[in-house]
Amino acid sequence: MSGLVVLALLGVVWGFIRQSQIMLASRHKTAAPAAASTAAPGAAATVTLAPGTRILSASTDAGKLVLHVQTKDGAEIEIIDLATGRLTSQVKTAP
């Protein structure tokens, strides 16, 4: 009877080890294409700010970069698509 308990315990340990190896292998498979897509040419966004402009805050949400900047003409909010690197919208306020 104790032999069956030992075999069952070894089976459980072997199952945990096997499942952890399967999970690690699947993470490596999904992480590699994501790293390759971020290194694609033209995927990086370049934002050129006018002299004297400063970034007040930056955040990301739903694949968009939201910049709140202060210029000499007033404040503005710029929304950039992270997938394409293009400016999708811009909101300017009066000084």
N, C-alpha and C. Protein backbone atom coordinates (compact mmCIF):
# COMPACT_ATOMS: atom_id res chain seq x y z
N MET A 1 0.82 -1.19 0.00
CA MET A 1 0.00 0.00 0.00
C MET A 1 0.87 1.26 0.00
N SER A 2 1.91 1.26 0.79
CA SER A 2 2.79 2.44 0.84
C SER A 2 3.52 2.62 -0.49
N GLY A 3 3.76 1.55 -1.19
CA GLY A 3 4.39 1.63 -2.50
C GLY A 3 3.51 2.38 -3.51
N LEU A 4 2.20 2.16 -3.44
CA LEU A 4 1.28 2.88 -4.31
C LEU A 4 1.24 4.37 -3.98
N VAL A 5 1.32 4.70 -2.71
CA VAL A 5 1.33 6.11 -2.30
C VAL A 5 2.59 6.79 -2.83
N VAL A 6 3.73 6.14 -2.75
CA VAL A 6 4.98 6.69 -3.25
C VAL A 6 4.90 6.87 -4.77
N LEU A 7 4.36 5.88 -5.50
CA LEU A 7 4.21 5.99 -6.94
C LEU A 7 3.27 7.14 -7.32
N ALA A 8 2.19 7.30 -6.56
CA ALA A 8 1.25 8.38 -6.83
C ALA A 8 1.92 9.73 -6.59
N LEU A 9 2.70 9.85 -5.55
CA LEU A 9 3.40 11.09 -5.24
C LEU A 9 4.43 11.41 -6.33
N LEU A 10 5.15 10.40 -6.79
CA LEU A 10 6.11 10.61 -7.88
C LEU A 10 5.40 11.03 -9.16
N GLY A 11 4.24 10.45 -9.42
CA GLY A 11 3.46 10.83 -10.59
C GLY A 11 3.00 12.27 -10.53
N VAL A 12 2.60 12.73 -9.37
CA VAL A 12 2.17 14.12 -9.20
C VAL A 12 3.34 15.07 -9.42
N VAL A 13 4.49 14.76 -8.85
CA VAL A 13 5.68 15.59 -9.02
C VAL A 13 6.08 15.63 -10.49
N TRP A 14 6.08 14.48 -11.14
CA TRP A 14 6.42 14.42 -12.56
C TRP A 14 5.43 15.25 -13.39
N GLY A 15 4.15 15.21 -13.06
CA GLY A 15 3.14 15.98 -13.77
C GLY A 15 3.36 17.48 -13.63
N PHE A 16 3.71 17.93 -12.42
CA PHE A 16 3.99 19.36 -12.22
C PHE A 16 5.20 19.81 -13.04
N ILE A 17 6.23 19.00 -13.02
CA ILE A 17 7.44 19.36 -13.78
C ILE A 17 7.14 19.41 -15.28
N ARG A 18 6.40 18.44 -15.77
CA ARG A 18 6.07 18.40 -17.20
C ARG A 18 5.21 19.60 -17.60
N GLN A 19 4.22 19.95 -16.80
CA GLN A 19 3.36 21.08 -17.12
C GLN A 19 4.14 22.39 -17.08
N SER A 20 5.07 22.54 -16.14
CA SER A 20 5.85 23.77 -16.09
C SER A 20 6.75 23.89 -17.32
N GLN A 21 7.30 22.78 -17.81
CA GLN A 21 8.10 22.82 -19.03
C GLN A 21 7.25 23.18 -20.24
N ILE A 22 6.04 22.67 -20.31
CA ILE A 22 5.14 23.00 -21.42
C ILE A 22 4.78 24.48 -21.38
N MET A 23 4.50 25.01 -20.21
CA MET A 23 4.14 26.43 -20.09
C MET A 23 5.32 27.32 -20.46
N LEU A 24 6.52 26.97 -20.02
CA LEU A 24 7.70 27.77 -20.36
C LEU A 24 7.96 27.74 -21.86
N ALA A 25 7.78 26.60 -22.49
CA ALA A 25 8.00 26.50 -23.93
C ALA A 25 6.98 27.35 -24.69
N SER A 26 5.73 27.37 -24.24
CA SER A 26 4.71 28.17 -24.93
C SER A 26 4.97 29.66 -24.73
N ARG A 27 5.50 30.07 -23.59
CA ARG A 27 5.83 31.48 -23.37
C ARG A 27 6.95 31.92 -24.29
N HIS A 28 7.94 31.07 -24.49
CA HIS A 28 9.05 31.43 -25.37
C HIS A 28 8.59 31.53 -26.82
N LYS A 29 7.65 30.69 -27.22
CA LYS A 29 7.15 30.74 -28.60
C LYS A 29 6.36 32.01 -28.85
N THR A 30 5.58 32.47 -27.88
CA THR A 30 4.78 33.68 -28.07
C THR A 30 5.60 34.94 -27.85
N ALA A 31 6.66 34.89 -27.06
CA ALA A 31 7.47 36.07 -26.80
C ALA A 31 8.39 36.38 -27.97
N ALA A 32 8.86 35.40 -28.71
CA ALA A 32 9.78 35.65 -29.81
C ALA A 32 9.16 36.46 -30.94
N PRO A 33 7.95 36.16 -31.43
CA PRO A 33 7.37 37.00 -32.48
C PRO A 33 7.08 38.42 -32.01
N ALA A 34 6.72 38.59 -30.74
CA ALA A 34 6.45 39.94 -30.25
C ALA A 34 7.72 40.77 -30.25
N ALA A 35 8.85 40.16 -29.88
CA ALA A 35 10.11 40.90 -29.89
C ALA A 35 10.52 41.23 -31.31
N ALA A 36 10.25 40.35 -32.25
CA ALA A 36 10.60 40.61 -33.63
C ALA A 36 9.76 41.74 -34.21
N SER A 37 8.49 41.82 -33.82
CA SER A 37 7.62 42.85 -34.38
C SER A 37 7.99 44.23 -33.85
N THR A 38 8.52 44.32 -32.61
CA THR A 38 8.89 45.62 -32.09
C THR A 38 10.18 46.12 -32.73
N ALA A 39 10.98 45.23 -33.28
CA ALA A 39 12.22 45.63 -33.90
C ALA A 39 12.07 45.92 -35.39
N ALA A 40 10.84 45.83 -35.90
CA ALA A 40 10.60 46.07 -37.31
C ALA A 40 10.89 47.52 -37.67
N PRO A 41 11.50 47.77 -38.84
CA PRO A 41 11.78 49.14 -39.22
C PRO A 41 10.50 49.95 -39.40
N GLY A 42 10.54 51.20 -38.99
CA GLY A 42 9.39 52.07 -39.12
C GLY A 42 8.36 51.93 -38.02
N ALA A 43 8.60 51.04 -37.06
CA ALA A 43 7.62 50.83 -36.00
C ALA A 43 7.81 51.82 -34.85
N ALA A 44 8.96 52.44 -34.77
CA ALA A 44 9.22 53.37 -33.67
C ALA A 44 8.65 54.74 -34.01
N ALA A 45 8.09 55.38 -33.01
CA ALA A 45 7.53 56.72 -33.19
C ALA A 45 8.60 57.76 -32.88
N THR A 46 8.69 58.76 -33.72
CA THR A 46 9.60 59.87 -33.49
C THR A 46 8.77 61.13 -33.36
N VAL A 47 8.85 61.76 -32.22
CA VAL A 47 8.11 63.00 -31.99
C VAL A 47 9.12 64.12 -31.86
N THR A 48 9.03 65.09 -32.75
CA THR A 48 9.92 66.23 -32.71
C THR A 48 9.19 67.39 -32.05
N LEU A 49 9.75 67.87 -30.97
CA LEU A 49 9.14 68.97 -30.23
C LEU A 49 9.85 70.27 -30.57
N ALA A 50 9.09 71.35 -30.56
CA ALA A 50 9.66 72.67 -30.82
C ALA A 50 10.57 73.07 -29.65
N PRO A 51 11.53 73.94 -29.90
CA PRO A 51 12.40 74.40 -28.80
C PRO A 51 11.57 75.06 -27.69
N GLY A 52 11.90 74.73 -26.47
CA GLY A 52 11.19 75.27 -25.32
C GLY A 52 9.96 74.47 -24.92
N THR A 53 9.61 73.45 -25.67
CA THR A 53 8.46 72.61 -25.35
C THR A 53 8.88 71.58 -24.32
N ARG A 54 8.00 71.34 -23.36
CA ARG A 54 8.32 70.32 -22.36
C ARG A 54 7.14 69.37 -22.20
N ILE A 55 7.47 68.15 -21.92
CA ILE A 55 6.46 67.10 -21.71
C ILE A 55 6.01 67.15 -20.26
N LEU A 56 4.72 67.38 -20.06
CA LEU A 56 4.17 67.42 -18.70
C LEU A 56 3.82 66.03 -18.19
N SER A 57 3.27 65.18 -19.09
CA SER A 57 2.96 63.81 -18.70
C SER A 57 2.90 62.94 -19.95
N ALA A 58 3.09 61.67 -19.74
CA ALA A 58 3.00 60.68 -20.82
C ALA A 58 2.37 59.42 -20.25
N SER A 59 1.45 58.83 -21.03
CA SER A 59 0.83 57.59 -20.60
C SER A 59 0.45 56.77 -21.83
N THR A 60 0.20 55.49 -21.61
CA THR A 60 -0.22 54.62 -22.70
C THR A 60 -1.56 54.00 -22.34
N ASP A 61 -2.39 53.82 -23.38
CA ASP A 61 -3.68 53.19 -23.17
C ASP A 61 -4.19 52.69 -24.51
N ALA A 62 -4.55 51.43 -24.57
CA ALA A 62 -5.13 50.80 -25.76
C ALA A 62 -4.25 50.98 -26.99
N GLY A 63 -2.94 50.79 -26.83
CA GLY A 63 -2.03 50.88 -27.97
C GLY A 63 -1.74 52.30 -28.42
N LYS A 64 -2.04 53.28 -27.59
CA LYS A 64 -1.81 54.68 -27.92
C LYS A 64 -0.90 55.31 -26.87
N LEU A 65 -0.03 56.21 -27.33
CA LEU A 65 0.80 57.01 -26.44
C LEU A 65 0.16 58.38 -26.35
N VAL A 66 -0.15 58.82 -25.14
CA VAL A 66 -0.78 60.12 -24.92
C VAL A 66 0.23 61.03 -24.26
N LEU A 67 0.60 62.11 -24.97
CA LEU A 67 1.56 63.09 -24.45
C LEU A 67 0.83 64.38 -24.14
N HIS A 68 1.06 64.93 -22.95
CA HIS A 68 0.56 66.24 -22.58
C HIS A 68 1.78 67.16 -22.55
N VAL A 69 1.83 68.10 -23.48
CA VAL A 69 3.01 68.96 -23.61
C VAL A 69 2.62 70.41 -23.42
N GLN A 70 3.58 71.21 -22.97
CA GLN A 70 3.40 72.65 -22.78
C GLN A 70 4.31 73.36 -23.77
N THR A 71 3.72 74.17 -24.64
CA THR A 71 4.49 74.95 -25.62
C THR A 71 4.40 76.42 -25.26
N LYS A 72 5.11 77.26 -26.01
CA LYS A 72 5.02 78.70 -25.74
C LYS A 72 3.66 79.26 -26.15
N ASP A 73 2.94 78.53 -27.03
CA ASP A 73 1.62 78.96 -27.47
C ASP A 73 0.49 78.39 -26.63
N GLY A 74 0.77 77.52 -25.71
CA GLY A 74 -0.25 76.90 -24.87
C GLY A 74 0.02 75.42 -24.71
N ALA A 75 -0.94 74.73 -24.12
CA ALA A 75 -0.80 73.29 -23.89
C ALA A 75 -1.43 72.53 -25.03
N GLU A 76 -0.95 71.33 -25.25
CA GLU A 76 -1.56 70.46 -26.25
C GLU A 76 -1.41 69.00 -25.82
N ILE A 77 -2.32 68.20 -26.35
CA ILE A 77 -2.30 66.76 -26.10
C ILE A 77 -2.11 66.08 -27.44
N GLU A 78 -1.12 65.22 -27.53
CA GLU A 78 -0.84 64.49 -28.77
C GLU A 78 -1.06 63.00 -28.51
N ILE A 79 -1.78 62.37 -29.42
CA ILE A 79 -2.06 60.94 -29.31
C ILE A 79 -1.38 60.23 -30.48
N ILE A 80 -0.50 59.27 -30.15
CA ILE A 80 0.31 58.58 -31.16
C ILE A 80 -0.03 57.10 -31.10
N ASP A 81 -0.27 56.51 -32.27
CA ASP A 81 -0.54 55.08 -32.38
C ASP A 81 0.79 54.34 -32.24
N LEU A 82 0.90 53.46 -31.25
CA LEU A 82 2.16 52.76 -31.02
C LEU A 82 2.46 51.71 -32.08
N ALA A 83 1.44 51.18 -32.74
CA ALA A 83 1.67 50.16 -33.76
C ALA A 83 2.29 50.76 -35.01
N THR A 84 1.85 51.96 -35.40
CA THR A 84 2.35 52.58 -36.63
C THR A 84 3.34 53.70 -36.37
N GLY A 85 3.32 54.28 -35.18
CA GLY A 85 4.20 55.40 -34.87
C GLY A 85 3.70 56.72 -35.42
N ARG A 86 2.46 56.78 -35.85
CA ARG A 86 1.90 57.99 -36.45
C ARG A 86 1.06 58.77 -35.45
N LEU A 87 1.07 60.08 -35.62
CA LEU A 87 0.25 60.96 -34.81
C LEU A 87 -1.19 60.80 -35.27
N THR A 88 -2.08 60.35 -34.37
CA THR A 88 -3.47 60.12 -34.77
C THR A 88 -4.35 61.32 -34.47
N SER A 89 -4.08 62.05 -33.41
CA SER A 89 -4.85 63.24 -33.13
C SER A 89 -4.06 64.18 -32.24
N GLN A 90 -4.49 65.44 -32.28
CA GLN A 90 -3.80 66.48 -31.54
C GLN A 90 -4.84 67.48 -31.06
N VAL A 91 -4.79 67.83 -29.79
CA VAL A 91 -5.73 68.80 -29.22
C VAL A 91 -4.90 69.95 -28.68
N LYS A 92 -5.17 71.16 -29.16
CA LYS A 92 -4.45 72.35 -28.71
C LYS A 92 -5.39 73.22 -27.90
N THR A 93 -4.82 73.86 -26.89
CA THR A 93 -5.60 74.80 -26.08
C THR A 93 -5.02 76.20 -26.26
N ALA A 94 -5.82 77.18 -25.98
CA ALA A 94 -5.36 78.57 -26.10
C ALA A 94 -4.44 78.90 -24.93
N PRO A 95 -3.51 79.84 -25.11
CA PRO A 95 -2.60 80.20 -24.00
C PRO A 95 -3.29 80.86 -22.85
